[in-house]
Amino acid sequence: MNADWPERPGVRVKDRKQITPDERVPLELSDRERELILKHTFADDDLTGRLRIVRRPGEPPVYRFTLDDLDELAGYVAAEANHAKDKKLEKELYRLYARIAAVLESYTDETGGSTR
């Protein structure tokens, strides 16, 4: 996980949910957000494969990622937002990045005295 994530006001390090490093956390994505990741980022199939699975009718659009996977995915989304020529696309990607970052900041997989 990237130690350079900025702290969000209101989310204290001690309030983060402790999970194991290989545990997956939920990320709910709208169809548009899923499309943004699949069509506009260079994220590899290891990250995006689960986004291509067709959901059952009535099933919520929730995808599960490890914190490391989410960190990597956030990097791809941020990179694309930084290079987007279309302002609307840039804004959508930054909004998606902020949502992923909020999930990342809600959990920690570190143990001992070191927290992020």
PDB file of N, CA and C in Angstrom:
ATOM      1  N   MET A   1       0.832  -1.168   0.000  1.00  0.00           N
ATOM      2  CA  MET A   1       0.000   0.000   0.000  1.00  0.00           C
ATOM      3  C   MET A   1       0.880   1.235   0.000  1.00  0.00           C
ATOM      4  N   ASN A   2       0.459   2.295  -0.631  1.00  0.00           N
ATOM      5  CA  ASN A   2       1.235   3.515  -0.768  1.00  0.00           C
ATOM      6  C   ASN A   2       1.180   4.329   0.511  1.00  0.00           C
ATOM      7  N   ALA A   3       2.321   4.588   1.099  1.00  0.00           N
ATOM      8  CA  ALA A   3       2.393   5.349   2.347  1.00  0.00           C
ATOM      9  C   ALA A   3       2.211   6.844   2.095  1.00  0.00           C
ATOM     10  N   ASP A   4       2.154   7.276   0.836  1.00  0.00           N
ATOM     11  CA  ASP A   4       2.032   8.687   0.507  1.00  0.00           C
ATOM     12  C   ASP A   4       0.591   9.170   0.420  1.00  0.00           C
ATOM     13  N   TRP A   5      -0.383   8.288   0.724  1.00  0.00           N
ATOM     14  CA  TRP A   5      -1.783   8.720   0.664  1.00  0.00           C
ATOM     15  C   TRP A   5      -1.995   9.838   1.669  1.00  0.00           C
ATOM     16  N   PRO A   6      -2.626  10.922   1.239  1.00  0.00           N
ATOM     17  CA  PRO A   6      -2.892  11.997   2.190  1.00  0.00           C
ATOM     18  C   PRO A   6      -3.989  11.586   3.165  1.00  0.00           C
ATOM     19  N   GLU A   7      -3.914  12.102   4.353  1.00  0.00           N
ATOM     20  CA  GLU A   7      -4.950  11.834   5.350  1.00  0.00           C
ATOM     21  C   GLU A   7      -6.189  12.634   4.980  1.00  0.00           C
ATOM     22  N   ARG A   8      -7.324  12.011   5.071  1.00  0.00           N
ATOM     23  CA  ARG A   8      -8.594  12.673   4.851  1.00  0.00           C
ATOM     24  C   ARG A   8      -9.037  13.266   6.176  1.00  0.00           C
ATOM     25  N   PRO A   9      -9.482  14.532   6.176  1.00  0.00           N
ATOM     26  CA  PRO A   9     -10.008  15.090   7.419  1.00  0.00           C
ATOM     27  C   PRO A   9     -11.184  14.233   7.894  1.00  0.00           C
ATOM     28  N   GLY A  10     -11.217  13.927   9.163  1.00  0.00           N
ATOM     29  CA  GLY A  10     -12.314  13.152   9.710  1.00  0.00           C
ATOM     30  C   GLY A  10     -12.057  11.658   9.778  1.00  0.00           C
ATOM     31  N   VAL A  11     -11.053  11.154   9.067  1.00  0.00           N
ATOM     32  CA  VAL A  11     -10.732   9.723   9.145  1.00  0.00           C
ATOM     33  C   VAL A  11      -9.384   9.611   9.845  1.00  0.00           C
ATOM     34  N   ARG A  12      -9.442   9.274  11.110  1.00  0.00           N
ATOM     35  CA  ARG A  12      -8.218   9.141  11.884  1.00  0.00           C
ATOM     36  C   ARG A  12      -7.631   7.760  11.649  1.00  0.00           C
ATOM     37  N   VAL A  13      -6.316   7.669  11.698  1.00  0.00           N
ATOM     38  CA  VAL A  13      -5.629   6.408  11.480  1.00  0.00           C
ATOM     39  C   VAL A  13      -6.174   5.331  12.409  1.00  0.00           C
ATOM     40  N   LYS A  14      -6.412   5.668  13.659  1.00  0.00           N
ATOM     41  CA  LYS A  14      -6.878   4.659  14.610  1.00  0.00           C
ATOM     42  C   LYS A  14      -8.306   4.202  14.331  1.00  0.00           C
ATOM     43  N   ASP A  15      -9.058   4.950  13.516  1.00  0.00           N
ATOM     44  CA  ASP A  15     -10.427   4.571  13.177  1.00  0.00           C
ATOM     45  C   ASP A  15     -10.504   3.631  11.976  1.00  0.00           C
ATOM     46  N   ARG A  16      -9.389   3.355  11.365  1.00  0.00           N
ATOM     47  CA  ARG A  16      -9.384   2.457  10.213  1.00  0.00           C
ATOM     48  C   ARG A  16      -9.632   1.028  10.648  1.00  0.00           C
ATOM     49  N   LYS A  17     -10.363   0.297   9.830  1.00  0.00           N
ATOM     50  CA  LYS A  17     -10.642  -1.095  10.136  1.00  0.00           C
ATOM     51  C   LYS A  17      -9.404  -1.931   9.826  1.00  0.00           C
ATOM     52  N   GLN A  18      -8.986  -2.728  10.777  1.00  0.00           N
ATOM     53  CA  GLN A  18      -7.822  -3.609  10.606  1.00  0.00           C
ATOM     54  C   GLN A  18      -8.240  -4.843   9.819  1.00  0.00           C
ATOM     55  N   ILE A  19      -7.505  -5.129   8.752  1.00  0.00           N
ATOM     56  CA  ILE A  19      -7.741  -6.336   7.959  1.00  0.00           C
ATOM     57  C   ILE A  19      -6.405  -7.025   7.713  1.00  0.00           C
ATOM     58  N   THR A  20      -6.457  -8.258   7.215  1.00  0.00           N
ATOM     59  CA  THR A  20      -5.226  -8.961   6.865  1.00  0.00           C
ATOM     60  C   THR A  20      -4.774  -8.495   5.482  1.00  0.00           C
ATOM     61  N   PRO A  21      -3.476  -8.615   5.162  1.00  0.00           N
ATOM     62  CA  PRO A  21      -2.969  -8.133   3.880  1.00  0.00           C
ATOM     63  C   PRO A  21      -3.643  -8.753   2.653  1.00  0.00           C
ATOM     64  N   ASP A  22      -4.114  -9.980   2.762  1.00  0.00           N
ATOM     65  CA  ASP A  22      -4.734 -10.612   1.597  1.00  0.00           C
ATOM     66  C   ASP A  22      -6.260 -10.530   1.605  1.00  0.00           C
ATOM     67  N   GLU A  23      -6.817  -9.874   2.616  1.00  0.00           N
ATOM     68  CA  GLU A  23      -8.271  -9.730   2.707  1.00  0.00           C
ATOM     69  C   GLU A  23      -8.762  -8.733   1.659  1.00  0.00           C
ATOM     70  N   ARG A  24      -9.921  -9.017   1.100  1.00  0.00           N
ATOM     71  CA  ARG A  24     -10.489  -8.137   0.078  1.00  0.00           C
ATOM     72  C   ARG A  24     -11.570  -7.272   0.687  1.00  0.00           C
ATOM     73  N   VAL A  25     -11.612  -6.016   0.240  1.00  0.00           N
ATOM     74  CA  VAL A  25     -12.609  -5.065   0.719  1.00  0.00           C
ATOM     75  C   VAL A  25     -13.545  -4.695  -0.437  1.00  0.00           C
ATOM     76  N   PRO A  26     -14.783  -4.310  -0.110  1.00  0.00           N
ATOM     77  CA  PRO A  26     -15.745  -4.010  -1.167  1.00  0.00           C
ATOM     78  C   PRO A  26     -15.554  -2.620  -1.768  1.00  0.00           C
ATOM     79  N   LEU A  27     -15.748  -2.547  -3.076  1.00  0.00           N
ATOM     80  CA  LEU A  27     -15.768  -1.278  -3.793  1.00  0.00           C
ATOM     81  C   LEU A  27     -16.989  -1.315  -4.697  1.00  0.00           C
ATOM     82  N   GLU A  28     -17.947  -0.464  -4.408  1.00  0.00           N
ATOM     83  CA  GLU A  28     -19.151  -0.406  -5.240  1.00  0.00           C
ATOM     84  C   GLU A  28     -18.883   0.545  -6.398  1.00  0.00           C
ATOM     85  N   LEU A  29     -19.159   0.073  -7.599  1.00  0.00           N
ATOM     86  CA  LEU A  29     -18.938   0.872  -8.803  1.00  0.00           C
ATOM     87  C   LEU A  29     -20.210   0.922  -9.635  1.00  0.00           C
ATOM     88  N   SER A  30     -20.532   2.112 -10.109  1.00  0.00           N
ATOM     89  CA  SER A  30     -21.638   2.229 -11.051  1.00  0.00           C
ATOM     90  C   SER A  30     -21.177   1.666 -12.397  1.00  0.00           C
ATOM     91  N   ASP A  31     -22.115   1.457 -13.291  1.00  0.00           N
ATOM     92  CA  ASP A  31     -21.747   0.984 -14.625  1.00  0.00           C
ATOM     93  C   ASP A  31     -20.799   1.971 -15.299  1.00  0.00           C
ATOM     94  N   ARG A  32     -21.037   3.271 -15.107  1.00  0.00           N
ATOM     95  CA  ARG A  32     -20.173   4.286 -15.711  1.00  0.00           C
ATOM     96  C   ARG A  32     -18.760   4.220 -15.126  1.00  0.00           C
ATOM     97  N   GLU A  33     -18.642   4.063 -13.819  1.00  0.00           N
ATOM     98  CA  GLU A  33     -17.325   3.986 -13.192  1.00  0.00           C
ATOM     99  C   GLU A  33     -16.570   2.745 -13.678  1.00  0.00           C
ATOM    100  N   ARG A  34     -17.285   1.657 -13.789  1.00  0.00           N
ATOM    101  CA  ARG A  34     -16.681   0.416 -14.299  1.00  0.00           C
ATOM    102  C   ARG A  34     -16.193   0.634 -15.730  1.00  0.00           C
ATOM    103  N   GLU A  35     -17.010   1.295 -16.524  1.00  0.00           N
ATOM    104  CA  GLU A  35     -16.641   1.604 -17.911  1.00  0.00           C
ATOM    105  C   GLU A  35     -15.409   2.510 -17.970  1.00  0.00           C
ATOM    106  N   LEU A  36     -15.341   3.488 -17.084  1.00  0.00           N
ATOM    107  CA  LEU A  36     -14.175   4.380 -17.054  1.00  0.00           C
ATOM    108  C   LEU A  36     -12.895   3.580 -16.834  1.00  0.00           C
ATOM    109  N   ILE A  37     -12.937   2.654 -15.900  1.00  0.00           N
ATOM    110  CA  ILE A  37     -11.753   1.840 -15.610  1.00  0.00           C
ATOM    111  C   ILE A  37     -11.407   0.954 -16.797  1.00  0.00           C
ATOM    112  N   LEU A  38     -12.407   0.284 -17.347  1.00  0.00           N
ATOM    113  CA  LEU A  38     -12.158  -0.675 -18.423  1.00  0.00           C
ATOM    114  C   LEU A  38     -11.729  -0.003 -19.724  1.00  0.00           C
ATOM    115  N   LYS A  39     -12.309   1.144 -20.041  1.00  0.00           N
ATOM    116  CA  LYS A  39     -12.055   1.771 -21.345  1.00  0.00           C
ATOM    117  C   LYS A  39     -11.005   2.867 -21.336  1.00  0.00           C
ATOM    118  N   HIS A  40     -10.726   3.426 -20.162  1.00  0.00           N
ATOM    119  CA  HIS A  40      -9.861   4.609 -20.152  1.00  0.00           C
ATOM    120  C   HIS A  40      -8.583   4.453 -19.335  1.00  0.00           C
ATOM    121  N   THR A  41      -8.359   3.304 -18.732  1.00  0.00           N
ATOM    122  CA  THR A  41      -7.106   3.139 -17.994  1.00  0.00           C
ATOM    123  C   THR A  41      -6.306   1.992 -18.601  1.00  0.00           C
ATOM    124  N   PHE A  42      -5.057   1.925 -18.232  1.00  0.00           N
ATOM    125  CA  PHE A  42      -4.182   0.857 -18.695  1.00  0.00           C
ATOM    126  C   PHE A  42      -4.038  -0.248 -17.649  1.00  0.00           C
ATOM    127  N   ALA A  43      -5.005  -0.326 -16.732  1.00  0.00           N
ATOM    128  CA  ALA A  43      -4.978  -1.369 -15.707  1.00  0.00           C
ATOM    129  C   ALA A  43      -5.014  -2.733 -16.381  1.00  0.00           C
ATOM    130  N   ASP A  44      -4.197  -3.652 -15.885  1.00  0.00           N
ATOM    131  CA  ASP A  44      -4.098  -4.967 -16.525  1.00  0.00           C
ATOM    132  C   ASP A  44      -5.268  -5.872 -16.158  1.00  0.00           C
ATOM    133  N   ASP A  45      -5.341  -6.997 -16.840  1.00  0.00           N
ATOM    134  CA  ASP A  45      -6.446  -7.938 -16.656  1.00  0.00           C
ATOM    135  C   ASP A  45      -6.515  -8.508 -15.241  1.00  0.00           C
ATOM    136  N   ASP A  46      -5.389  -8.574 -14.544  1.00  0.00           N
ATOM    137  CA  ASP A  46      -5.415  -9.058 -13.158  1.00  0.00           C
ATOM    138  C   ASP A  46      -6.309  -8.167 -12.291  1.00  0.00           C
ATOM    139  N   LEU A  47      -6.308  -6.868 -12.578  1.00  0.00           N
ATOM    140  CA  LEU A  47      -7.138  -5.932 -11.822  1.00  0.00           C
ATOM    141  C   LEU A  47      -8.552  -5.813 -12.387  1.00  0.00           C
ATOM    142  N   THR A  48      -8.653  -5.813 -13.697  1.00  0.00           N
ATOM    143  CA  THR A  48      -9.945  -5.537 -14.325  1.00  0.00           C
ATOM    144  C   THR A  48     -10.775  -6.771 -14.641  1.00  0.00           C
ATOM    145  N   GLY A  49     -10.195  -7.942 -14.552  1.00  0.00           N
ATOM    146  CA  GLY A  49     -10.926  -9.163 -14.887  1.00  0.00           C
ATOM    147  C   GLY A  49     -12.218  -9.304 -14.118  1.00  0.00           C
ATOM    148  N   ARG A  50     -12.188  -9.003 -12.833  1.00  0.00           N
ATOM    149  CA  ARG A  50     -13.401  -9.138 -12.012  1.00  0.00           C
ATOM    150  C   ARG A  50     -14.468  -8.127 -12.395  1.00  0.00           C
ATOM    151  N   LEU A  51     -14.057  -7.015 -13.043  1.00  0.00           N
ATOM    152  CA  LEU A  51     -15.027  -6.011 -13.477  1.00  0.00           C
ATOM    153  C   LEU A  51     -15.783  -6.455 -14.725  1.00  0.00           C
ATOM    154  N   ARG A  52     -15.258  -7.453 -15.410  1.00  0.00           N
ATOM    155  CA  ARG A  52     -15.879  -7.945 -16.643  1.00  0.00           C
ATOM    156  C   ARG A  52     -16.911  -9.041 -16.384  1.00  0.00           C
ATOM    157  N   ILE A  53     -16.993  -9.527 -15.153  1.00  0.00           N
ATOM    158  CA  ILE A  53     -17.943 -10.580 -14.810  1.00  0.00           C
ATOM    159  C   ILE A  53     -19.344  -9.994 -14.774  1.00  0.00           C
ATOM    160  N   VAL A  54     -20.255 -10.625 -15.480  1.00  0.00           N
ATOM    161  CA  VAL A  54     -21.635 -10.156 -15.523  1.00  0.00           C
ATOM    162  C   VAL A  54     -22.314 -10.482 -14.192  1.00  0.00           C
ATOM    163  N   ARG A  55     -22.922  -9.476 -13.607  1.00  0.00           N
ATOM    164  CA  ARG A  55     -23.626  -9.658 -12.336  1.00  0.00           C
ATOM    165  C   ARG A  55     -24.984 -10.297 -12.565  1.00  0.00           C
ATOM    166  N   ARG A  56     -25.459 -10.975 -11.555  1.00  0.00           N
ATOM    167  CA  ARG A  56     -26.812 -11.517 -11.592  1.00  0.00           C
ATOM    168  C   ARG A  56     -27.791 -10.360 -11.440  1.00  0.00           C
ATOM    169  N   PRO A  57     -28.970 -10.476 -12.058  1.00  0.00           N
ATOM    170  CA  PRO A  57     -29.974  -9.409 -11.902  1.00  0.00           C
ATOM    171  C   PRO A  57     -30.286  -9.171 -10.424  1.00  0.00           C
ATOM    172  N   GLY A  58     -30.338  -7.909 -10.050  1.00  0.00           N
ATOM    173  CA  GLY A  58     -30.634  -7.542  -8.673  1.00  0.00           C
ATOM    174  C   GLY A  58     -29.434  -7.575  -7.744  1.00  0.00           C
ATOM    175  N   GLU A  59     -28.305  -8.073  -8.218  1.00  0.00           N
ATOM    176  CA  GLU A  59     -27.087  -8.132  -7.405  1.00  0.00           C
ATOM    177  C   GLU A  59     -26.413  -6.767  -7.423  1.00  0.00           C
ATOM    178  N   PRO A  60     -25.998  -6.248  -6.265  1.00  0.00           N
ATOM    179  CA  PRO A  60     -25.354  -4.934  -6.234  1.00  0.00           C
ATOM    180  C   PRO A  60     -23.999  -4.965  -6.959  1.00  0.00           C
ATOM    181  N   PRO A  61     -23.624  -3.832  -7.552  1.00  0.00           N
ATOM    182  CA  PRO A  61     -22.361  -3.751  -8.301  1.00  0.00           C
ATOM    183  C   PRO A  61     -21.153  -3.571  -7.376  1.00  0.00           C
ATOM    184  N   VAL A  62     -20.867  -4.587  -6.578  1.00  0.00           N
ATOM    185  CA  VAL A  62     -19.776  -4.514  -5.610  1.00  0.00           C
ATOM    186  C   VAL A  62     -18.669  -5.465  -6.050  1.00  0.00           C
ATOM    187  N   TYR A  63     -17.456  -4.938  -6.084  1.00  0.00           N
ATOM    188  CA  TYR A  63     -16.284  -5.714  -6.488  1.00  0.00           C
ATOM    189  C   TYR A  63     -15.322  -5.710  -5.311  1.00  0.00           C
ATOM    190  N   ARG A  64     -14.601  -6.795  -5.128  1.00  0.00           N
ATOM    191  CA  ARG A  64     -13.726  -6.932  -3.965  1.00  0.00           C
ATOM    192  C   ARG A  64     -12.261  -6.907  -4.409  1.00  0.00           C
ATOM    193  N   PHE A  65     -11.469  -6.102  -3.696  1.00  0.00           N
ATOM    194  CA  PHE A  65     -10.054  -5.925  -3.994  1.00  0.00           C
ATOM    195  C   PHE A  65      -9.248  -5.952  -2.702  1.00  0.00           C
ATOM    196  N   THR A  66      -8.000  -6.408  -2.785  1.00  0.00           N
ATOM    197  CA  THR A  66      -7.085  -6.222  -1.663  1.00  0.00           C
ATOM    198  C   THR A  66      -6.697  -4.745  -1.651  1.00  0.00           C
ATOM    199  N   LEU A  67      -6.134  -4.277  -0.551  1.00  0.00           N
ATOM    200  CA  LEU A  67      -5.699  -2.886  -0.495  1.00  0.00           C
ATOM    201  C   LEU A  67      -4.602  -2.609  -1.509  1.00  0.00           C
ATOM    202  N   ASP A  68      -3.714  -3.568  -1.715  1.00  0.00           N
ATOM    203  CA  ASP A  68      -2.663  -3.388  -2.723  1.00  0.00           C
ATOM    204  C   ASP A  68      -3.270  -3.254  -4.122  1.00  0.00           C
ATOM    205  N   ASP A  69      -4.270  -4.088  -4.423  1.00  0.00           N
ATOM    206  CA  ASP A  69      -4.943  -3.994  -5.719  1.00  0.00           C
ATOM    207  C   ASP A  69      -5.642  -2.643  -5.871  1.00  0.00           C
ATOM    208  N   LEU A  70      -6.311  -2.198  -4.827  1.00  0.00           N
ATOM    209  CA  LEU A  70      -7.000  -0.904  -4.879  1.00  0.00           C
ATOM    210  C   LEU A  70      -6.011   0.238  -5.055  1.00  0.00           C
ATOM    211  N   ASP A  71      -4.886   0.148  -4.380  1.00  0.00           N
ATOM    212  CA  ASP A  71      -3.842   1.159  -4.501  1.00  0.00           C
ATOM    213  C   ASP A  71      -3.353   1.231  -5.951  1.00  0.00           C
ATOM    214  N   GLU A  72      -3.131   0.075  -6.534  1.00  0.00           N
ATOM    215  CA  GLU A  72      -2.678   0.018  -7.928  1.00  0.00           C
ATOM    216  C   GLU A  72      -3.753   0.571  -8.867  1.00  0.00           C
ATOM    217  N   LEU A  73      -4.993   0.170  -8.644  1.00  0.00           N
ATOM    218  CA  LEU A  73      -6.093   0.649  -9.470  1.00  0.00           C
ATOM    219  C   LEU A  73      -6.235   2.162  -9.362  1.00  0.00           C
ATOM    220  N   ALA A  74      -6.135   2.688  -8.153  1.00  0.00           N
ATOM    221  CA  ALA A  74      -6.212   4.134  -7.948  1.00  0.00           C
ATOM    222  C   ALA A  74      -5.116   4.849  -8.731  1.00  0.00           C
ATOM    223  N   GLY A  75      -3.928   4.254  -8.780  1.00  0.00           N
ATOM    224  CA  GLY A  75      -2.827   4.845  -9.536  1.00  0.00           C
ATOM    225  C   GLY A  75      -3.134   4.932 -11.019  1.00  0.00           C
ATOM    226  N   TYR A  76      -3.729   3.884 -11.571  1.00  0.00           N
ATOM    227  CA  TYR A  76      -4.111   3.902 -12.986  1.00  0.00           C
ATOM    228  C   TYR A  76      -5.177   4.962 -13.260  1.00  0.00           C
ATOM    229  N   VAL A  77      -6.156   5.061 -12.374  1.00  0.00           N
ATOM    230  CA  VAL A  77      -7.222   6.045 -12.552  1.00  0.00           C
ATOM    231  C   VAL A  77      -6.652   7.460 -12.458  1.00  0.00           C
ATOM    232  N   ALA A  78      -5.792   7.709 -11.470  1.00  0.00           N
ATOM    233  CA  ALA A  78      -5.187   9.037 -11.302  1.00  0.00           C
ATOM    234  C   ALA A  78      -4.319   9.398 -12.503  1.00  0.00           C
ATOM    235  N   ALA A  79      -3.546   8.439 -13.001  1.00  0.00           N
ATOM    236  CA  ALA A  79      -2.681   8.709 -14.156  1.00  0.00           C
ATOM    237  C   ALA A  79      -3.516   9.105 -15.370  1.00  0.00           C
ATOM    238  N   GLU A  80      -4.605   8.399 -15.590  1.00  0.00           N
ATOM    239  CA  GLU A  80      -5.455   8.724 -16.725  1.00  0.00           C
ATOM    240  C   GLU A  80      -6.116  10.087 -16.532  1.00  0.00           C
ATOM    241  N   ALA A  81      -6.542  10.389 -15.302  1.00  0.00           N
ATOM    242  CA  ALA A  81      -7.141  11.698 -15.030  1.00  0.00           C
ATOM    243  C   ALA A  81      -6.124  12.807 -15.298  1.00  0.00           C
ATOM    244  N   ASN A  82      -4.877  12.586 -14.904  1.00  0.00           N
ATOM    245  CA  ASN A  82      -3.829  13.594 -15.115  1.00  0.00           C
ATOM    246  C   ASN A  82      -3.539  13.852 -16.578  1.00  0.00           C
ATOM    247  N   HIS A  83      -3.799  12.866 -17.434  1.00  0.00           N
ATOM    248  CA  HIS A  83      -3.485  12.997 -18.858  1.00  0.00           C
ATOM    249  C   HIS A  83      -4.715  13.160 -19.747  1.00  0.00           C
ATOM    250  N   ALA A  84      -5.885  13.228 -19.145  1.00  0.00           N
ATOM    251  CA  ALA A  84      -7.118  13.358 -19.927  1.00  0.00           C
ATOM    252  C   ALA A  84      -7.164  14.716 -20.615  1.00  0.00           C
ATOM    253  N   LYS A  85      -7.502  14.711 -21.870  1.00  0.00           N
ATOM    254  CA  LYS A  85      -7.620  15.955 -22.628  1.00  0.00           C
ATOM    255  C   LYS A  85      -9.042  16.512 -22.519  1.00  0.00           C
ATOM    256  N   ASP A  86      -9.998  15.641 -22.278  1.00  0.00           N
ATOM    257  CA  ASP A  86     -11.399  16.015 -22.138  1.00  0.00           C
ATOM    258  C   ASP A  86     -11.670  16.362 -20.669  1.00  0.00           C
ATOM    259  N   LYS A  87     -12.118  17.585 -20.405  1.00  0.00           N
ATOM    260  CA  LYS A  87     -12.322  18.055 -19.026  1.00  0.00           C
ATOM    261  C   LYS A  87     -13.398  17.255 -18.301  1.00  0.00           C
ATOM    262  N   LYS A  88     -14.458  16.855 -19.002  1.00  0.00           N
ATOM    263  CA  LYS A  88     -15.520  16.067 -18.365  1.00  0.00           C
ATOM    264  C   LYS A  88     -14.973  14.711 -17.933  1.00  0.00           C
ATOM    265  N   LEU A  89     -14.210  14.066 -18.810  1.00  0.00           N
ATOM    266  CA  LEU A  89     -13.598  12.780 -18.489  1.00  0.00           C
ATOM    267  C   LEU A  89     -12.628  12.933 -17.321  1.00  0.00           C
ATOM    268  N   GLU A  90     -11.834  13.988 -17.351  1.00  0.00           N
ATOM    269  CA  GLU A  90     -10.887  14.250 -16.266  1.00  0.00           C
ATOM    270  C   GLU A  90     -11.619  14.357 -14.925  1.00  0.00           C
ATOM    271  N   LYS A  91     -12.716  15.103 -14.903  1.00  0.00           N
ATOM    272  CA  LYS A  91     -13.485  15.290 -13.678  1.00  0.00           C
ATOM    273  C   LYS A  91     -14.073  13.965 -13.182  1.00  0.00           C
ATOM    274  N   GLU A  92     -14.603  13.154 -14.099  1.00  0.00           N
ATOM    275  CA  GLU A  92     -15.160  11.852 -13.721  1.00  0.00           C
ATOM    276  C   GLU A  92     -14.092  10.941 -13.136  1.00  0.00           C
ATOM    277  N   LEU A  93     -12.914  10.946 -13.757  1.00  0.00           N
ATOM    278  CA  LEU A  93     -11.827  10.095 -13.282  1.00  0.00           C
ATOM    279  C   LEU A  93     -11.323  10.550 -11.911  1.00  0.00           C
ATOM    280  N   TYR A  94     -11.216  11.856 -11.701  1.00  0.00           N
ATOM    281  CA  TYR A  94     -10.794  12.351 -10.387  1.00  0.00           C
ATOM    282  C   TYR A  94     -11.824  12.001  -9.315  1.00  0.00           C
ATOM    283  N   ARG A  95     -13.106  12.074  -9.664  1.00  0.00           N
ATOM    284  CA  ARG A  95     -14.161  11.704  -8.706  1.00  0.00           C
ATOM    285  C   ARG A  95     -14.055  10.225  -8.356  1.00  0.00           C
ATOM    286  N   LEU A  96     -13.816   9.399  -9.370  1.00  0.00           N
ATOM    287  CA  LEU A  96     -13.640   7.962  -9.134  1.00  0.00           C
ATOM    288  C   LEU A  96     -12.404   7.708  -8.274  1.00  0.00           C
ATOM    289  N   TYR A  97     -11.319   8.397  -8.577  1.00  0.00           N
ATOM    290  CA  TYR A  97     -10.099   8.267  -7.775  1.00  0.00           C
ATOM    291  C   TYR A  97     -10.384   8.599  -6.304  1.00  0.00           C
ATOM    292  N   ALA A  98     -11.132   9.679  -6.066  1.00  0.00           N
ATOM    293  CA  ALA A  98     -11.442  10.088  -4.685  1.00  0.00           C
ATOM    294  C   ALA A  98     -12.250   9.011  -3.969  1.00  0.00           C
ATOM    295  N   ARG A  99     -13.158   8.361  -4.668  1.00  0.00           N
ATOM    296  CA  ARG A  99     -13.950   7.286  -4.055  1.00  0.00           C
ATOM    297  C   ARG A  99     -13.064   6.094  -3.694  1.00  0.00           C
ATOM    298  N   ILE A 100     -12.153   5.736  -4.605  1.00  0.00           N
ATOM    299  CA  ILE A 100     -11.247   4.621  -4.321  1.00  0.00           C
ATOM    300  C   ILE A 100     -10.338   4.975  -3.149  1.00  0.00           C
ATOM    301  N   ALA A 101      -9.840   6.208  -3.139  1.00  0.00           N
ATOM    302  CA  ALA A 101      -8.969   6.661  -2.048  1.00  0.00           C
ATOM    303  C   ALA A 101      -9.703   6.621  -0.711  1.00  0.00           C
ATOM    304  N   ALA A 102     -10.981   6.966  -0.710  1.00  0.00           N
ATOM    305  CA  ALA A 102     -11.761   6.938   0.532  1.00  0.00           C
ATOM    306  C   ALA A 102     -11.868   5.516   1.066  1.00  0.00           C
ATOM    307  N   VAL A 103     -12.050   4.542   0.180  1.00  0.00           N
ATOM    308  CA  VAL A 103     -12.095   3.147   0.618  1.00  0.00           C
ATOM    309  C   VAL A 103     -10.731   2.746   1.172  1.00  0.00           C
ATOM    310  N   LEU A 104      -9.671   3.108   0.470  1.00  0.00           N
ATOM    311  CA  LEU A 104      -8.318   2.785   0.933  1.00  0.00           C
ATOM    312  C   LEU A 104      -8.050   3.347   2.323  1.00  0.00           C
ATOM    313  N   GLU A 105      -8.528   4.543   2.575  1.00  0.00           N
ATOM    314  CA  GLU A 105      -8.269   5.204   3.846  1.00  0.00           C
ATOM    315  C   GLU A 105      -9.137   4.671   4.978  1.00  0.00           C
ATOM    316  N   SER A 106     -10.110   3.835   4.648  1.00  0.00           N
ATOM    317  CA  SER A 106     -11.001   3.275   5.664  1.00  0.00           C
ATOM    318  C   SER A 106     -10.448   1.997   6.283  1.00  0.00           C
ATOM    319  N   TYR A 107      -9.395   1.447   5.685  1.00  0.00           N
ATOM    320  CA  TYR A 107      -8.842   0.169   6.119  1.00  0.00           C
ATOM    321  C   TYR A 107      -7.335   0.285   6.279  1.00  0.00           C
ATOM    322  N   THR A 108      -6.781  -0.626   7.050  1.00  0.00           N
ATOM    323  CA  THR A 108      -5.329  -0.771   7.119  1.00  0.00           C
ATOM    324  C   THR A 108      -5.014  -2.258   7.221  1.00  0.00           C
ATOM    325  N   ASP A 109      -3.936  -2.652   6.555  1.00  0.00           N
ATOM    326  CA  ASP A 109      -3.492  -4.046   6.656  1.00  0.00           C
ATOM    327  C   ASP A 109      -2.134  -4.124   7.340  1.00  0.00           C
ATOM    328  N   GLU A 110      -1.733  -3.014   7.953  1.00  0.00           N
ATOM    329  CA  GLU A 110      -0.457  -2.991   8.666  1.00  0.00           C
ATOM    330  C   GLU A 110      -0.670  -3.406  10.113  1.00  0.00           C
ATOM    331  N   THR A 111       0.319  -4.060  10.659  1.00  0.00           N
ATOM    332  CA  THR A 111       0.248  -4.487  12.051  1.00  0.00           C
ATOM    333  C   THR A 111       1.343  -3.812  12.844  1.00  0.00           C
ATOM    334  N   GLY A 112       1.240  -3.877  14.138  1.00  0.00           N
ATOM    335  CA  GLY A 112       2.279  -3.311  14.992  1.00  0.00           C
ATOM    336  C   GLY A 112       2.163  -1.822  15.122  1.00  0.00           C
ATOM    337  N   GLY A 113       3.295  -1.174  15.353  1.00  0.00           N
ATOM    338  CA  GLY A 113       3.325   0.259  15.627  1.00  0.00           C
ATOM    339  C   GLY A 113       3.189   1.138  14.413  1.00  0.00           C
ATOM    340  N   SER A 114       3.369   0.608  13.229  1.00  0.00           N
ATOM    341  CA  SER A 114       3.326   1.439  12.025  1.00  0.00           C
ATOM    342  C   SER A 114       1.916   1.505  11.473  1.00  0.00           C
ATOM    343  N   THR A 115       1.391   2.728  11.366  1.00  0.00           N
ATOM    344  CA  THR A 115       0.087   2.936  10.750  1.00  0.00           C
ATOM    345  C   THR A 115       0.212   4.033   9.717  1.00  0.00           C
ATOM    346  N   ARG A 116      -0.742   4.044   8.825  1.00  0.00           N
ATOM    347  CA  ARG A 116      -0.721   5.084   7.783  1.00  0.00           C
ATOM    348  C   ARG A 116      -1.726   6.141   8.066  1.00  0.00           C
TER     349      ARG A 116
END
